C-alpha atoms as a PDB file:
ATOM      1  CA  MET A   1     -26.982  17.035  40.480  1.00  0.00           C
ATOM      2  CA  GLY A   2     -29.188  18.550  38.315  1.00  0.00           C
ATOM      3  CA  HIS A   3     -32.580  20.480  38.368  1.00  0.00           C
ATOM      4  CA  ASP A   4     -34.638  17.874  37.360  1.00  0.00           C
ATOM      5  CA  ALA A   5     -32.466  14.725  38.600  1.00  0.00           C
ATOM      6  CA  SER A   6     -29.136  13.500  40.597  1.00  0.00           C
ATOM      7  CA  MET A   7     -27.165  10.557  39.256  1.00  0.00           C
ATOM      8  CA  GLU A   8     -25.066   8.404  41.665  1.00  0.00           C
ATOM      9  CA  LEU A   9     -21.944   6.535  40.133  1.00  0.00           C
ATOM     10  CA  GLY A  10     -20.041   3.886  41.675  1.00  0.00           C
ATOM     11  CA  GLY A  11     -20.104   0.208  41.314  1.00  0.00           C
ATOM     12  CA  SER A  12     -24.035   0.723  40.309  1.00  0.00           C
ATOM     13  CA  MET A  13     -25.459   3.560  39.331  1.00  0.00           C
ATOM     14  CA  ASN A  14     -28.819   5.254  40.529  1.00  0.00           C
ATOM     15  CA  ILE A  15     -30.558   8.472  38.760  1.00  0.00           C
ATOM     16  CA  THR A  16     -33.520   9.955  41.759  1.00  0.00           C
ATOM     17  CA  ALA A  17     -35.548  12.863  40.534  1.00  0.00           C
ATOM     18  CA  ASP A  18     -34.903  15.999  42.252  1.00  0.00           C
ATOM     19  CA  ALA A  19     -38.583  16.486  44.235  1.00  0.00           C
ATOM     20  CA  ASP A  20     -38.685  20.126  42.996  1.00  0.00           C
ATOM     21  CA  SER A  21     -38.172  18.684  39.458  1.00  0.00           C
ATOM     22  CA  THR A  22     -40.184  20.613  36.678  1.00  0.00           C
ATOM     23  CA  ARG A  23     -39.517  18.080  34.041  1.00  0.00           C
ATOM     24  CA  TYR A  24     -40.772  15.249  36.228  1.00  0.00           C
ATOM     25  CA  LYS A  25     -43.679  17.380  38.422  1.00  0.00           C
ATOM     26  CA  LYS A  26     -47.138  15.902  36.784  1.00  0.00           C
ATOM     27  CA  MET A  27     -45.289  12.240  37.460  1.00  0.00           C
ATOM     28  CA  ILE A  28     -44.033  13.062  40.874  1.00  0.00           C
ATOM     29  CA  LYS A  29     -47.677  14.300  41.512  1.00  0.00           C
ATOM     30  CA  GLU A  30     -49.578  11.287  40.400  1.00  0.00           C
ATOM     31  CA  GLY A  31     -46.900   8.716  42.388  1.00  0.00           C
ATOM     32  CA  ILE A  32     -45.684   7.373  39.422  1.00  0.00           C
ATOM     33  CA  ILE A  33     -42.220   8.650  40.193  1.00  0.00           C
ATOM     34  CA  ASP A  34     -41.269   8.161  43.863  1.00  0.00           C
ATOM     35  CA  THR A  35     -38.586  11.068  44.485  1.00  0.00           C
ATOM     36  CA  SER A  36     -36.861   9.012  47.867  1.00  0.00           C
ATOM     37  CA  ALA A  37     -36.119   5.853  45.152  1.00  0.00           C
ATOM     38  CA  PRO A  38     -34.318   5.715  41.910  1.00  0.00           C
ATOM     39  CA  MET A  39     -36.534   6.060  39.215  1.00  0.00           C
ATOM     40  CA  ILE A  40     -33.409   4.442  37.375  1.00  0.00           C
ATOM     41  CA  SER A  41     -31.157   1.827  39.061  1.00  0.00           C
ATOM     42  CA  ILE A  42     -28.397  -0.049  36.715  1.00  0.00           C
ATOM     43  CA  GLN A  43     -26.747  -2.511  38.455  1.00  0.00           C
ATOM     44  CA  PRO A  44     -23.888  -3.649  35.807  1.00  0.00           C
ATOM     45  CA  GLY A  45     -23.075  -7.194  35.476  1.00  0.00           C
ATOM     46  CA  SER A  46     -26.431  -8.659  37.478  1.00  0.00           C
ATOM     47  CA  GLY A  47     -26.682 -11.480  34.748  1.00  0.00           C
ATOM     48  CA  LYS A  48     -30.149 -11.037  34.063  1.00  0.00           C
ATOM     49  CA  ILE A  49     -31.412 -11.611  30.699  1.00  0.00           C
ATOM     50  CA  ASP A  50     -33.824  -9.205  28.957  1.00  0.00           C
ATOM     51  CA  ALA A  51     -37.105  -9.773  27.453  1.00  0.00           C
ATOM     52  CA  VAL A  52     -35.390  -9.511  23.814  1.00  0.00           C
ATOM     53  CA  THR A  53     -31.834 -11.392  23.946  1.00  0.00           C
ATOM     54  CA  SER A  54     -28.897 -12.038  26.202  1.00  0.00           C
ATOM     55  CA  ALA A  55     -26.707 -10.104  23.471  1.00  0.00           C
ATOM     56  CA  THR A  56     -28.939  -7.052  23.957  1.00  0.00           C
ATOM     57  CA  GLN A  57     -28.353  -7.106  27.588  1.00  0.00           C
ATOM     58  CA  LYS A  58     -24.940  -7.439  27.666  1.00  0.00           C
ATOM     59  CA  TYR A  59     -24.825  -4.533  25.110  1.00  0.00           C
ATOM     60  CA  TYR A  60     -26.794  -2.382  27.647  1.00  0.00           C
ATOM     61  CA  ALA A  61     -25.481  -3.558  30.565  1.00  0.00           C
ATOM     62  CA  SER A  62     -21.922  -3.310  29.076  1.00  0.00           C
ATOM     63  CA  ARG A  63     -23.100   0.503  29.267  1.00  0.00           C
ATOM     64  CA  GLY A  64     -24.938   0.466  32.552  1.00  0.00           C
ATOM     65  CA  LEU A  65     -28.243   0.677  31.057  1.00  0.00           C
ATOM     66  CA  THR A  66     -30.327  -1.984  32.062  1.00  0.00           C
ATOM     67  CA  THR A  67     -33.469  -1.375  34.563  1.00  0.00           C
ATOM     68  CA  THR A  68     -35.939   1.667  35.337  1.00  0.00           C
ATOM     69  CA  ASN A  69     -38.545   2.196  37.709  1.00  0.00           C
ATOM     70  CA  LEU A  70     -42.107   2.296  36.135  1.00  0.00           C
ATOM     71  CA  ASN A  71     -45.144   2.339  38.111  1.00  0.00           C
ATOM     72  CA  GLY A  72     -43.194   1.258  41.129  1.00  0.00           C
ATOM     73  CA  HIS A  73     -41.971  -2.291  39.181  1.00  0.00           C
ATOM     74  CA  GLN A  74     -38.347  -2.652  37.862  1.00  0.00           C
ATOM     75  CA  VAL A  75     -38.703  -2.543  33.730  1.00  0.00           C
ATOM     76  CA  SER A  76     -36.215  -3.672  31.737  1.00  0.00           C
ATOM     77  CA  VAL A  77     -35.181  -0.404  29.358  1.00  0.00           C
ATOM     78  CA  THR A  78     -34.513  -2.367  26.349  1.00  0.00           C
ATOM     79  CA  HIS A  79     -37.912  -3.920  26.465  1.00  0.00           C
ATOM     80  CA  LEU A  80     -39.288  -0.097  26.602  1.00  0.00           C
ATOM     81  CA  HIS A  81     -36.855   1.112  23.968  1.00  0.00           C
ATOM     82  CA  ILE A  82     -37.591  -1.584  21.135  1.00  0.00           C
ATOM     83  CA  LYS A  83     -41.231  -1.318  21.888  1.00  0.00           C
ATOM     84  CA  GLU A  84     -41.394   2.594  21.592  1.00  0.00           C
ATOM     85  CA  TRP A  85     -39.191   2.223  18.235  1.00  0.00           C
ATOM     86  CA  ILE A  86     -41.237  -0.440  16.791  1.00  0.00           C
ATOM     87  CA  ASN A  87     -44.404   1.757  17.372  1.00  0.00           C
ATOM     88  CA  CYS A  88     -42.647   4.642  15.588  1.00  0.00           C
ATOM     89  CA  ILE A  89     -41.875   2.422  12.875  1.00  0.00           C
ATOM     90  CA  ARG A  90     -45.990   0.885  12.820  1.00  0.00           C
ATOM     91  CA  ASN A  91     -47.309   4.489  13.521  1.00  0.00           C
ATOM     92  CA  GLY A  92     -45.086   7.241  12.525  1.00  0.00           C
ATOM     93  CA  GLY A  93     -43.094   9.266  14.885  1.00  0.00           C
ATOM     94  CA  THR A  94     -39.734   9.578  16.497  1.00  0.00           C
ATOM     95  CA  PRO A  95     -38.407   7.562  19.558  1.00  0.00           C
ATOM     96  CA  SER A  96     -38.020   9.481  22.386  1.00  0.00           C
ATOM     97  CA  ALA A  97     -33.683   8.374  22.000  1.00  0.00           C
ATOM     98  CA  ASN A  98     -33.217  10.889  18.799  1.00  0.00           C
ATOM     99  CA  ILE A  99     -30.529  12.900  17.935  1.00  0.00           C
ATOM    100  CA  GLU A 100     -31.716  15.640  20.275  1.00  0.00           C
ATOM    101  CA  ARG A 101     -31.785  13.476  22.818  1.00  0.00           C
ATOM    102  CA  ALA A 102     -28.327  12.210  22.057  1.00  0.00           C
ATOM    103  CA  PHE A 103     -27.034  16.007  22.119  1.00  0.00           C
ATOM    104  CA  GLU A 104     -28.748  16.535  25.210  1.00  0.00           C
ATOM    105  CA  GLU A 105     -27.079  13.477  27.328  1.00  0.00           C
ATOM    106  CA  GLY A 106     -23.566  13.977  25.856  1.00  0.00           C
ATOM    107  CA  VAL A 107     -23.507  17.413  27.149  1.00  0.00           C
ATOM    108  CA  ALA A 108     -24.697  16.186  30.284  1.00  0.00           C
ATOM    109  CA  CYS A 109     -21.597  13.355  30.188  1.00  0.00           C
ATOM    110  CA  LEU A 110     -19.456  16.371  29.715  1.00  0.00           C
ATOM    111  CA  MET A 111     -21.258  18.214  32.253  1.00  0.00           C
ATOM    112  CA  ALA A 112     -20.556  15.741  34.868  1.00  0.00           C
ATOM    113  CA  HIS A 113     -17.249  15.685  34.005  1.00  0.00           C
ATOM    114  CA  LYS A 114     -16.329  19.035  34.506  1.00  0.00           C
ATOM    115  CA  SER A 115     -17.787  19.033  37.297  1.00  0.00           C
ATOM    116  CA  TYR A 116     -15.911  16.202  39.089  1.00  0.00           C
ATOM    117  CA  LEU A 117     -12.361  17.454  37.226  1.00  0.00           C
ATOM    118  CA  GLU A 118     -12.908  21.012  38.541  1.00  0.00           C
ATOM    119  CA  LYS A 119     -14.875  20.180  41.634  1.00  0.00           C
ATOM    120  CA  ARG A 120     -17.528  22.804  41.196  1.00  0.00           C
ATOM    121  CA  ARG A 121     -21.214  22.514  39.877  1.00  0.00           C
ATOM    122  CA  VAL A 122     -21.531  23.577  36.749  1.00  0.00           C
ATOM    123  CA  ILE A 123     -24.428  24.874  34.344  1.00  0.00           C
ATOM    124  CA  TRP A 124     -25.262  24.883  30.944  1.00  0.00           C
ATOM    125  CA  ASP A 125     -25.964  28.172  28.886  1.00  0.00           C
ATOM    126  CA  PRO A 126     -28.414  27.646  26.060  1.00  0.00           C
ATOM    127  CA  ILE A 127     -28.104  30.693  24.858  1.00  0.00           C
ATOM    128  CA  LYS A 128     -24.435  30.162  24.116  1.00  0.00           C
ATOM    129  CA  LYS A 129     -24.256  26.731  24.141  1.00  0.00           C
ATOM    130  CA  THR A 130     -21.501  26.492  26.610  1.00  0.00           C
ATOM    131  CA  ILE A 131     -20.428  24.874  29.622  1.00  0.00           C
ATOM    132  CA  VAL A 132     -20.162  27.618  32.644  1.00  0.00           C
END
């Protein structure tokens, strides 16, 4: 559970935006994100082929990253990622999956693990850059 979303893990993974999210507030208000349904739903081993290649799909599926909900439709995250990357190459810029995002995601995984092991809610202290 986080401030902006919650992640549910099991045989699949679902990430659902929190109704009080500040990060997704605009998209929730515009109806782009529905807080009653997962905004990202990952079904490993679904066997579906993505828009790029089956090898790419298998790579992402093995890590549990296959689709996202965009405007009420399931969309391949591989397609979106590669589209953004190519646009950055063509037009300059930094893709959203950059080193800063990787750090944030790594910290989130560590926090989830610590929360699970200690059976308590943990928070990130941005000043000390530590998990509390």
